[in-house]
């Protein structure tokens, strides 16, 4: 047993073996040429892979058309990695594992290898490497998250006989494919909503003729107003110090305004000043706009408060609350419009870059936002149609999360022999759409 052991030997079946990674594969370390030397990069033939290109459990660069950066053929010819090799990051983001789909080079923060499938199945080791706790192996003498070559070679790998390796990999691959399918459906749903928003906010729901306005074509019966004309107030939030202790009241911040809904998973609390308790209290229907962000497109991002945290919730100073006049235009309609290409482009385009590199909008920017104004019944129709897609998207995201939880549980339990492949209920997996036979 090494000082870095992370495997509970007492709980492994007798048929399982334990050895070091270096005994199973010969791995290659990458190398990065100087960026300033353009001859390495221009008009090259092969893909260049960095950690940011790597997709956990995925194949990167299936085809040459997907390559965003090319490395020259002359660079380190012996370092060219054939398709099918496994890549693992060992600096900064430690333990990200991918496969390469085309010949490629990779940088010095990645190792590459291809195991002998007669000893250990490549898909099995692919998944096994993904669940190691690399904190046990990190080089404490080097700043940051990193491993060195000798410690990579000493990574402990536990593995059953080949037939069981194949079955373990097949189960995990099936769950991963189900997750990928959900991700494709989520992407398609997002694209569908984007296309529908474009249609609804330019053509409406009545099939009436269009007219050209300052925001582009809209139905003839629609009016165009500045946000100031239909709003009751524009208010900056509190500057009190907030933290994760449950002291005071919940205070929404930039991370909570994700665009289209309020995310309460990362919530802080603050003790507000007496005059703020009334002035900054959120009500259902209040629109929260992000007023500062490091990404220009995110300045002006909007979410409506729907009472997610009850009647005692406030908002921070990097947000602006817009409260609309009652009876004119429904806030859900303005929220959806702010997420259209025209609405988001207006807000982000008006953001001013500050000395610290961030982009800011202010109440003056918001007051000048031009908003289309159809009759109330058509506003409701548009909001309801878009809400149906949001509901479907939320359903898909929730199911993806359940599959990801299932994958993590199976990955840990199968790789530590807490459950064996014969104990996995394949019928139950098949019933939820996972073909693992």
Protein backbone atom coordinates (compact mmCIF):
# COMPACT_ATOMS: atom_id res chain seq x y z
CA UNK A 1 0.00 0.00 0.00
CA UNK A 2 1.35 3.43 -0.91
CA UNK A 3 0.96 6.56 1.16
CA UNK A 4 -1.40 7.85 -1.54
CA UNK A 5 -3.77 4.88 -1.49
CA UNK A 6 -7.43 5.77 -1.93
CA UNK A 7 -8.72 2.20 -2.35
CA UNK A 8 -10.31 0.22 0.46
CA UNK A 9 -8.68 -3.14 -0.15
CA UNK A 10 -10.69 -4.92 2.51
CA UNK A 11 -13.94 -4.32 0.64
CA UNK A 12 -12.75 -5.42 -2.80
CA UNK A 13 -13.69 -8.88 -4.06
CA UNK A 14 -10.89 -11.45 -4.35
CA UNK A 15 -11.04 -11.42 -8.16
CA UNK A 16 -10.20 -7.72 -8.30
CA UNK A 17 -6.62 -6.56 -8.76
CA UNK A 18 -4.85 -3.36 -7.73
CA UNK A 19 -1.87 -1.86 -9.47
CA UNK A 20 -0.39 1.48 -10.38
CA UNK A 21 -1.43 3.42 -13.45
CA UNK A 22 2.16 3.33 -14.70
CA UNK A 23 2.07 -0.48 -14.77
CA UNK A 24 -0.98 -0.54 -17.04
CA UNK A 25 -0.21 2.09 -19.67
CA UNK A 26 2.58 4.11 -21.21
CA UNK A 27 1.48 7.70 -21.10
CA UNK A 28 2.79 10.64 -23.04
CA UNK A 29 3.28 14.13 -21.61
CA UNK A 30 2.33 17.04 -23.85
CA UNK A 31 4.30 20.17 -24.58
CA UNK A 32 3.33 23.71 -25.56
CA UNK A 33 5.44 25.67 -28.04
CA UNK A 34 5.99 29.41 -27.61
CA UNK A 35 2.86 31.33 -28.56
CA UNK A 36 4.95 34.11 -30.05
CA UNK A 37 6.42 31.76 -32.67
CA UNK A 38 3.74 31.94 -35.36
CA UNK A 39 5.31 29.22 -37.50
CA UNK A 40 4.03 26.68 -34.99
CA UNK A 41 0.42 27.72 -35.41
CA UNK A 42 -0.34 29.10 -38.88
CA UNK A 43 -1.58 26.88 -41.72
CA UNK A 44 -1.14 23.69 -39.71
CA UNK A 45 -2.72 20.26 -40.19
CA UNK A 46 -3.53 18.96 -36.72
CA UNK A 47 -5.72 19.95 -33.80
CA UNK A 48 -4.20 21.43 -30.68
CA UNK A 49 -5.90 20.42 -27.40
CA UNK A 50 -5.87 22.36 -24.14
CA UNK A 51 -7.81 21.62 -20.95
CA UNK A 52 -10.56 24.06 -21.94
CA UNK A 53 -11.26 21.91 -25.02
CA UNK A 54 -11.78 18.76 -22.98
CA UNK A 55 -15.29 17.48 -22.33
CA UNK A 56 -15.67 15.15 -19.36
CA UNK A 57 -16.72 11.67 -20.56
CA UNK A 58 -16.87 12.95 -24.15
CA UNK A 59 -15.10 12.76 -27.51
CA UNK A 60 -13.43 16.02 -28.51
CA UNK A 61 -12.78 17.13 -32.07
CA UNK A 62 -14.72 14.39 -33.89
CA UNK A 63 -13.84 16.02 -37.22
CA UNK A 64 -11.26 18.48 -38.43
CA UNK A 65 -14.03 21.01 -39.15
CA UNK A 66 -14.62 21.40 -35.41
CA UNK A 67 -11.02 22.43 -34.70
CA UNK A 68 -10.75 26.03 -33.60
CA UNK A 69 -6.98 26.18 -33.41
CA UNK A 70 -4.44 24.31 -35.54
CA UNK A 71 -0.93 23.20 -34.66
CA UNK A 72 1.75 22.94 -37.34
CA UNK A 73 2.87 19.51 -38.54
CA UNK A 74 6.52 20.26 -37.84
CA UNK A 75 5.99 20.66 -34.11
CA UNK A 76 7.05 17.67 -32.03
CA UNK A 77 6.14 15.01 -34.59
CA UNK A 78 6.59 12.26 -32.02
CA UNK A 79 3.94 13.94 -29.85
CA UNK A 80 1.13 13.52 -32.38
CA UNK A 81 -1.68 11.51 -30.72
CA UNK A 82 -3.72 9.11 -32.91
CA UNK A 83 -7.54 9.07 -32.70
CA UNK A 84 -9.03 7.05 -29.86
CA UNK A 85 -6.45 7.96 -27.25
CA UNK A 86 -7.59 8.96 -23.79
CA UNK A 87 -6.60 12.38 -22.45
CA UNK A 88 -6.43 13.31 -18.77
CA UNK A 89 -5.72 16.76 -17.32
CA UNK A 90 -3.31 16.88 -14.40
CA UNK A 91 -2.84 20.61 -13.80
CA UNK A 92 -5.35 23.19 -12.54
CA UNK A 93 -8.44 21.18 -13.53
CA UNK A 94 -7.25 17.77 -12.36
CA UNK A 95 -8.89 14.56 -13.54
CA UNK A 96 -10.92 15.74 -16.53
CA UNK A 97 -10.98 12.77 -18.91
CA UNK A 98 -11.81 12.79 -22.63
CA UNK A 99 -11.16 10.87 -25.81
CA UNK A 100 -9.70 12.40 -28.94
CA UNK A 101 -11.54 11.74 -32.21
CA UNK A 102 -8.87 12.90 -34.69
CA UNK A 103 -5.05 13.09 -34.71
CA UNK A 104 -3.98 15.89 -32.38
CA UNK A 105 -1.32 17.44 -30.19
CA UNK A 106 -1.94 18.46 -26.61
CA UNK A 107 -0.33 20.83 -24.15
CA UNK A 108 1.84 20.14 -21.12
CA UNK A 109 -1.12 20.06 -18.70
CA UNK A 110 -2.49 16.87 -20.29
CA UNK A 111 -1.30 13.27 -20.54
CA UNK A 112 -2.44 10.87 -23.27
CA UNK A 113 -2.50 7.08 -23.46
CA UNK A 114 -4.25 4.05 -24.89
CA UNK A 115 -4.34 0.91 -22.72
CA UNK A 116 -3.96 -2.67 -23.84
CA UNK A 117 -7.58 -3.87 -23.98
CA UNK A 118 -6.47 -7.41 -23.21
CA UNK A 119 -5.38 -6.24 -19.76
CA UNK A 120 -7.72 -3.38 -18.95
CA UNK A 121 -10.63 -2.17 -21.06
CA UNK A 122 -10.13 1.43 -22.16
CA UNK A 123 -13.69 2.48 -21.32
CA UNK A 124 -13.31 1.04 -17.83
CA UNK A 125 -10.11 2.96 -17.06
CA UNK A 126 -11.69 6.01 -18.71
CA UNK A 127 -14.43 6.00 -16.08
CA UNK A 128 -12.18 4.87 -13.22
CA UNK A 129 -9.86 7.84 -13.67
CA UNK A 130 -12.87 10.15 -13.52
CA UNK A 131 -13.71 9.27 -9.92
CA UNK A 132 -10.30 9.27 -8.22
CA UNK A 133 -9.83 11.77 -5.41
CA UNK A 134 -6.75 13.50 -6.76
CA UNK A 135 -6.23 15.48 -3.56
CA UNK A 136 -4.42 12.37 -2.29
CA UNK A 137 -1.85 12.67 -5.06
CA UNK A 138 -1.33 16.41 -5.49
CA UNK A 139 2.17 17.79 -5.21
CA UNK A 140 1.97 19.96 -2.10
CA UNK A 141 5.35 21.53 -2.91
CA UNK A 142 3.95 23.19 -6.04
CA UNK A 143 1.49 26.06 -5.82
CA UNK A 144 -1.96 25.41 -7.26
CA UNK A 145 -3.63 22.17 -8.31
CA UNK A 146 -1.12 19.93 -10.07
CA UNK A 147 0.38 16.44 -10.24
CA UNK A 148 3.85 15.46 -11.37
CA UNK A 149 4.85 12.56 -13.63
CA UNK A 150 5.89 10.18 -10.87
CA UNK A 151 2.67 10.67 -8.93
CA UNK A 152 0.58 10.13 -12.06
CA UNK A 153 2.40 6.82 -12.55
CA UNK A 154 1.53 5.87 -8.94
CA UNK A 155 -2.22 6.45 -9.29
CA UNK A 156 -3.82 3.29 -7.94
CA UNK A 157 -6.23 1.47 -10.23
CA UNK A 158 -8.54 -1.28 -8.99
CA UNK A 159 -10.07 -3.52 -11.64
CA UNK A 160 -12.12 -6.71 -11.92
CA UNK A 161 -11.72 -9.41 -14.61
CA UNK A 162 -12.28 -8.17 -18.18
CA UNK A 163 -15.88 -9.41 -18.57
CA UNK A 164 -16.96 -7.41 -15.52
CA UNK A 165 -14.97 -4.37 -16.72
CA UNK A 166 -16.92 -4.48 -20.00
CA UNK A 167 -20.26 -4.71 -18.21
CA UNK A 168 -19.42 -1.88 -15.80
CA UNK A 169 -18.36 0.34 -18.70
CA UNK A 170 -21.51 -0.60 -20.66
CA UNK A 171 -23.80 0.45 -17.78
CA UNK A 172 -22.01 3.76 -17.22
CA UNK A 173 -21.86 4.47 -20.96
CA UNK A 174 -25.60 3.86 -21.27
CA UNK A 175 -26.38 6.34 -18.48
CA UNK A 176 -23.97 8.87 -20.00
CA UNK A 177 -25.66 8.56 -23.39
CA UNK A 178 -29.02 9.17 -21.75
CA UNK A 179 -27.59 12.35 -20.19
CA UNK A 180 -26.23 13.46 -23.57
CA UNK A 181 -29.65 12.86 -25.11
CA UNK A 182 -31.24 15.08 -22.48
CA UNK A 183 -28.65 17.77 -23.17
CA UNK A 184 -29.47 17.64 -26.88
CA UNK A 185 -33.18 17.99 -26.09
CA UNK A 186 -32.48 20.94 -23.78
CA UNK A 187 -30.47 22.61 -26.53
CA UNK A 188 -33.24 22.01 -29.07
CA UNK A 189 -35.82 23.40 -26.66
CA UNK A 190 -33.71 26.51 -26.09
CA UNK A 191 -33.39 27.02 -29.85
CA UNK A 192 -37.12 26.51 -30.31
CA UNK A 193 -37.92 29.17 -27.74
CA UNK A 194 -35.46 31.60 -29.31
CA UNK A 195 -37.09 31.14 -32.73
CA UNK A 196 -40.61 31.44 -31.26
CA UNK A 197 -39.68 34.62 -29.37
CA UNK A 198 -38.42 36.20 -32.57
CA UNK A 199 -41.66 35.33 -34.34
CA UNK A 200 -44.02 36.40 -31.54
CA UNK A 201 -42.35 39.74 -30.85
CA UNK A 202 -42.31 40.71 -34.54
CA UNK A 203 -45.52 39.12 -35.85
CA UNK A 204 -47.74 38.80 -32.77
CA UNK A 205 -50.48 36.17 -32.57
CA UNK A 206 -53.20 37.68 -34.79
CA UNK A 207 -51.62 37.48 -38.23
CA UNK A 208 -52.05 41.21 -38.74
CA UNK A 209 -49.88 43.39 -41.07
CA UNK A 210 -46.60 44.70 -39.70
CA UNK A 211 -45.20 48.21 -39.41
CA UNK A 212 -41.58 49.32 -39.07
CA UNK A 213 -40.61 50.90 -35.73
CA UNK A 214 -37.47 51.90 -33.83
CA UNK A 215 -37.14 48.27 -32.64
CA UNK A 216 -37.89 46.73 -36.02
CA UNK A 217 -41.10 45.24 -37.45
CA UNK A 218 -44.09 44.76 -35.11
CA UNK A 219 -47.83 44.24 -35.69
CA UNK A 220 -49.72 47.39 -36.74
CA UNK A 221 -51.83 47.53 -33.58
CA UNK A 222 -48.82 47.49 -31.24
CA UNK A 223 -47.47 50.65 -29.64
CA UNK A 224 -43.86 51.36 -28.65
CA UNK A 225 -43.13 52.95 -25.26
CA UNK A 226 -40.04 53.87 -23.31
CA UNK A 227 -39.80 51.76 -20.17
CA UNK A 228 -40.01 54.95 -18.10
CA UNK A 229 -43.50 55.60 -19.49
CA UNK A 230 -44.89 52.30 -18.21
CA UNK A 231 -42.89 52.00 -14.98
CA UNK A 232 -43.71 53.18 -11.49
CA UNK A 233 -40.15 53.24 -10.11
CA UNK A 234 -36.47 52.41 -10.71
CA UNK A 235 -34.57 51.52 -7.53
CA UNK A 236 -31.02 50.47 -6.63
CA UNK A 237 -30.59 47.74 -4.01
CA UNK A 238 -28.91 47.60 -0.62
CA UNK A 239 -25.17 47.87 0.00
CA UNK A 240 -25.21 46.08 3.37
CA UNK A 241 -22.73 43.25 3.81
CA UNK A 242 -24.31 39.86 3.13
CA UNK A 243 -23.11 36.37 3.94
CA UNK A 244 -24.29 32.75 4.06
CA UNK A 245 -25.23 32.82 7.74
CA UNK A 246 -28.98 32.76 8.24
CA UNK A 247 -28.96 36.20 9.88
CA UNK A 248 -31.33 38.87 8.64
CA UNK A 249 -33.25 38.53 5.38
CA UNK A 250 -32.45 36.89 2.02
CA UNK A 251 -30.83 39.37 -0.37
CA UNK A 252 -30.80 38.53 -4.07
CA UNK A 253 -27.53 39.20 -5.92
CA UNK A 254 -26.21 38.92 -9.47
CA UNK A 255 -25.84 35.08 -9.33
CA UNK A 256 -29.52 34.80 -8.43
CA UNK A 257 -30.69 36.72 -11.51
CA UNK A 258 -29.97 34.15 -14.19
CA UNK A 259 -32.32 35.50 -16.85
CA UNK A 260 -35.92 34.32 -16.96
CA UNK A 261 -36.09 33.11 -13.36
CA UNK A 262 -34.65 33.61 -9.89
CA UNK A 263 -32.09 30.98 -8.81
CA UNK A 264 -32.12 30.59 -5.02
CA UNK A 265 -29.43 27.90 -4.75
CA UNK A 266 -26.66 30.42 -3.88
CA UNK A 267 -28.36 32.63 -1.34
CA UNK A 268 -26.93 35.17 1.11
CA UNK A 269 -28.55 37.07 3.97
CA UNK A 270 -28.16 40.59 5.32
CA UNK A 271 -29.38 42.83 8.11
CA UNK A 272 -30.99 45.81 6.38
CA UNK A 273 -31.11 49.36 7.64
CA UNK A 274 -34.53 50.45 8.96
CA UNK A 275 -35.39 52.67 6.00
CA UNK A 276 -34.47 49.90 3.54
CA UNK A 277 -36.88 47.35 4.94
CA UNK A 278 -39.84 49.05 3.33
CA UNK A 279 -38.20 50.71 0.32
CA UNK A 280 -36.32 47.65 -0.93
CA UNK A 281 -38.82 44.90 -0.14
CA UNK A 282 -39.52 42.80 -3.23
CA UNK A 283 -43.06 42.14 -4.42
CA UNK A 284 -44.27 39.59 -6.92
CA UNK A 285 -43.94 41.08 -10.40
CA UNK A 286 -40.87 43.21 -9.63
CA UNK A 287 -38.28 43.09 -12.43
CA UNK A 288 -34.63 42.80 -11.38
CA UNK A 289 -31.97 43.96 -13.86
CA UNK A 290 -28.25 43.20 -13.47
CA UNK A 291 -26.54 46.59 -13.61
CA UNK A 292 -22.88 45.51 -13.67
CA UNK A 293 -21.13 42.48 -15.13
CA UNK A 294 -17.78 41.41 -16.53
CA UNK A 295 -19.52 40.19 -19.69
CA UNK A 296 -21.15 42.94 -21.72
CA UNK A 297 -24.04 40.76 -22.90
CA UNK A 298 -24.98 40.04 -19.28
CA UNK A 299 -25.32 43.69 -18.30
CA UNK A 300 -29.08 44.25 -18.21
CA UNK A 301 -29.97 40.59 -17.70
CA UNK A 302 -33.49 40.46 -16.27
CA UNK A 303 -35.56 38.18 -14.06
CA UNK A 304 -38.96 38.69 -12.50
CA UNK A 305 -39.47 38.01 -8.80
CA UNK A 306 -42.28 35.48 -8.46
CA UNK A 307 -42.34 35.25 -4.68
CA UNK A 308 -39.76 32.46 -4.61
CA UNK A 309 -38.62 33.51 -1.13
CA UNK A 310 -41.88 34.77 0.29
CA UNK A 311 -42.73 38.27 1.45
CA UNK A 312 -39.43 39.18 3.15
CA UNK A 313 -36.85 39.27 0.38
CA UNK A 314 -34.57 42.10 -0.74
CA UNK A 315 -32.00 42.82 -3.45
CA UNK A 316 -28.39 44.00 -3.59
CA UNK A 317 -26.91 47.20 -4.99
CA UNK A 318 -25.62 45.58 -8.21
CA UNK A 319 -29.26 45.09 -9.21
CA UNK A 320 -31.91 47.61 -10.24
CA UNK A 321 -35.57 46.94 -9.45
CA UNK A 322 -38.14 48.13 -11.94
CA UNK A 323 -41.72 48.15 -10.72
CA UNK A 324 -44.29 48.60 -13.49
CA UNK A 325 -47.53 50.57 -13.39
CA UNK A 326 -50.47 48.36 -12.56
CA UNK A 327 -52.92 47.58 -15.35
CA UNK A 328 -50.79 48.58 -18.32
CA UNK A 329 -48.31 45.93 -19.30
CA UNK A 330 -47.67 42.66 -17.44
CA UNK A 331 -44.12 42.20 -16.08
CA UNK A 332 -43.81 38.71 -17.55
CA UNK A 333 -44.13 40.25 -21.02
CA UNK A 334 -41.34 42.77 -20.35
CA UNK A 335 -39.16 40.01 -18.86
CA UNK A 336 -39.54 37.90 -21.99
CA UNK A 337 -38.92 40.87 -24.27
CA UNK A 338 -35.68 41.67 -22.42
CA UNK A 339 -34.43 38.22 -23.44
CA UNK A 340 -35.10 38.66 -27.15
CA UNK A 341 -32.18 39.47 -29.42
CA UNK A 342 -33.32 43.09 -29.79
CA UNK A 343 -34.03 43.60 -26.09
CA UNK A 344 -30.78 42.09 -24.82
CA UNK A 345 -28.74 43.81 -27.53
CA UNK A 346 -30.16 47.21 -26.53
CA UNK A 347 -29.29 46.72 -22.87
CA UNK A 348 -25.86 45.18 -23.40
CA UNK A 349 -25.06 47.63 -26.19
CA UNK A 350 -25.73 50.61 -23.91
CA UNK A 351 -23.51 49.27 -21.12
CA UNK A 352 -20.48 51.45 -20.33
CA UNK A 353 -17.10 49.89 -19.63
CA UNK A 354 -15.58 51.02 -16.34
CA UNK A 355 -11.97 51.28 -15.17
CA UNK A 356 -12.10 47.80 -13.59
CA UNK A 357 -13.11 46.24 -16.91
CA UNK A 358 -16.77 45.64 -16.04
CA UNK A 359 -19.80 46.84 -17.99
CA UNK A 360 -22.42 49.00 -16.28
CA UNK A 361 -25.92 50.18 -16.99
CA UNK A 362 -27.87 52.64 -14.85
CA UNK A 363 -31.45 53.74 -14.33
CA UNK A 364 -31.10 56.18 -17.22
CA UNK A 365 -30.26 53.29 -19.55
CA UNK A 366 -33.28 51.33 -18.36
CA UNK A 367 -35.64 54.28 -18.65
CA UNK A 368 -34.75 54.61 -22.34
CA UNK A 369 -35.39 50.95 -23.19
CA UNK A 370 -38.03 50.73 -25.91
CA UNK A 371 -40.72 48.14 -25.22
CA UNK A 372 -43.44 46.87 -27.58
CA UNK A 373 -46.94 47.25 -26.16
CA UNK A 374 -49.72 44.99 -27.52
CA UNK A 375 -53.16 44.72 -25.96
CA UNK A 376 -53.34 42.84 -22.68
CA UNK A 377 -54.95 39.67 -24.05
CA UNK A 378 -52.16 39.30 -26.62
CA UNK A 379 -49.51 39.90 -23.96
CA UNK A 380 -51.00 37.04 -21.95
CA UNK A 381 -51.13 34.75 -25.00
CA UNK A 382 -47.46 35.35 -25.79
CA UNK A 383 -46.36 34.85 -22.20
CA UNK A 384 -48.39 31.63 -21.90
CA UNK A 385 -46.97 30.19 -25.13
CA UNK A 386 -43.40 30.86 -24.01
CA UNK A 387 -44.14 29.50 -20.53
CA UNK A 388 -45.08 26.14 -22.04
CA UNK A 389 -41.61 25.85 -23.53
CA UNK A 390 -40.04 26.94 -20.23
CA UNK A 391 -42.00 24.23 -18.42
CA UNK A 392 -40.75 21.62 -20.86
CA UNK A 393 -37.19 22.87 -20.53
CA UNK A 394 -37.43 22.75 -16.72
CA UNK A 395 -38.72 19.19 -16.94
CA UNK A 396 -35.78 18.19 -19.15
CA UNK A 397 -33.27 19.89 -16.86
CA UNK A 398 -34.73 18.16 -13.80
CA UNK A 399 -34.55 14.77 -15.50
CA UNK A 400 -30.97 15.45 -16.60
CA UNK A 401 -30.08 16.22 -12.99
CA UNK A 402 -31.60 12.93 -11.82
CA UNK A 403 -29.58 11.06 -14.47
CA UNK A 404 -26.40 12.86 -13.42
CA UNK A 405 -27.06 11.90 -9.80
CA UNK A 406 -27.63 8.30 -10.89
CA UNK A 407 -24.40 8.34 -12.90
CA UNK A 408 -22.33 9.64 -9.99
CA UNK A 409 -23.81 7.03 -7.66
CA UNK A 410 -23.22 4.15 -10.07
CA UNK A 411 -19.72 5.40 -10.94
CA UNK A 412 -18.68 5.41 -7.29
CA UNK A 413 -20.39 2.20 -6.28
CA UNK A 414 -19.33 0.12 -9.28
CA UNK A 415 -15.73 1.28 -9.15
CA UNK A 416 -15.46 0.47 -5.43
CA UNK A 417 -17.43 -2.80 -5.71
CA UNK A 418 -20.06 -1.52 -3.29
CA UNK A 419 -22.44 -2.94 -5.85
CA UNK A 420 -21.62 -5.48 -8.56
CA UNK A 421 -22.94 -5.47 -12.10
CA UNK A 422 -25.24 -8.40 -11.30
CA UNK A 423 -26.86 -6.26 -8.60
CA UNK A 424 -27.75 -3.45 -11.01
CA UNK A 425 -31.41 -3.67 -12.00
CA UNK A 426 -31.16 -3.39 -15.79
CA UNK A 427 -34.93 -3.70 -16.09
CA UNK A 428 -35.33 -0.58 -13.97
CA UNK A 429 -32.75 1.26 -16.08
CA UNK A 430 -34.52 0.22 -19.28
CA UNK A 431 -37.81 1.45 -17.83
CA UNK A 432 -36.44 5.00 -17.57
CA UNK A 433 -35.03 4.92 -21.09
CA UNK A 434 -31.48 3.65 -20.43
CA UNK A 435 -30.57 0.74 -22.67
CA UNK A 436 -27.81 -0.99 -20.71
CA UNK A 437 -28.26 -4.60 -21.83
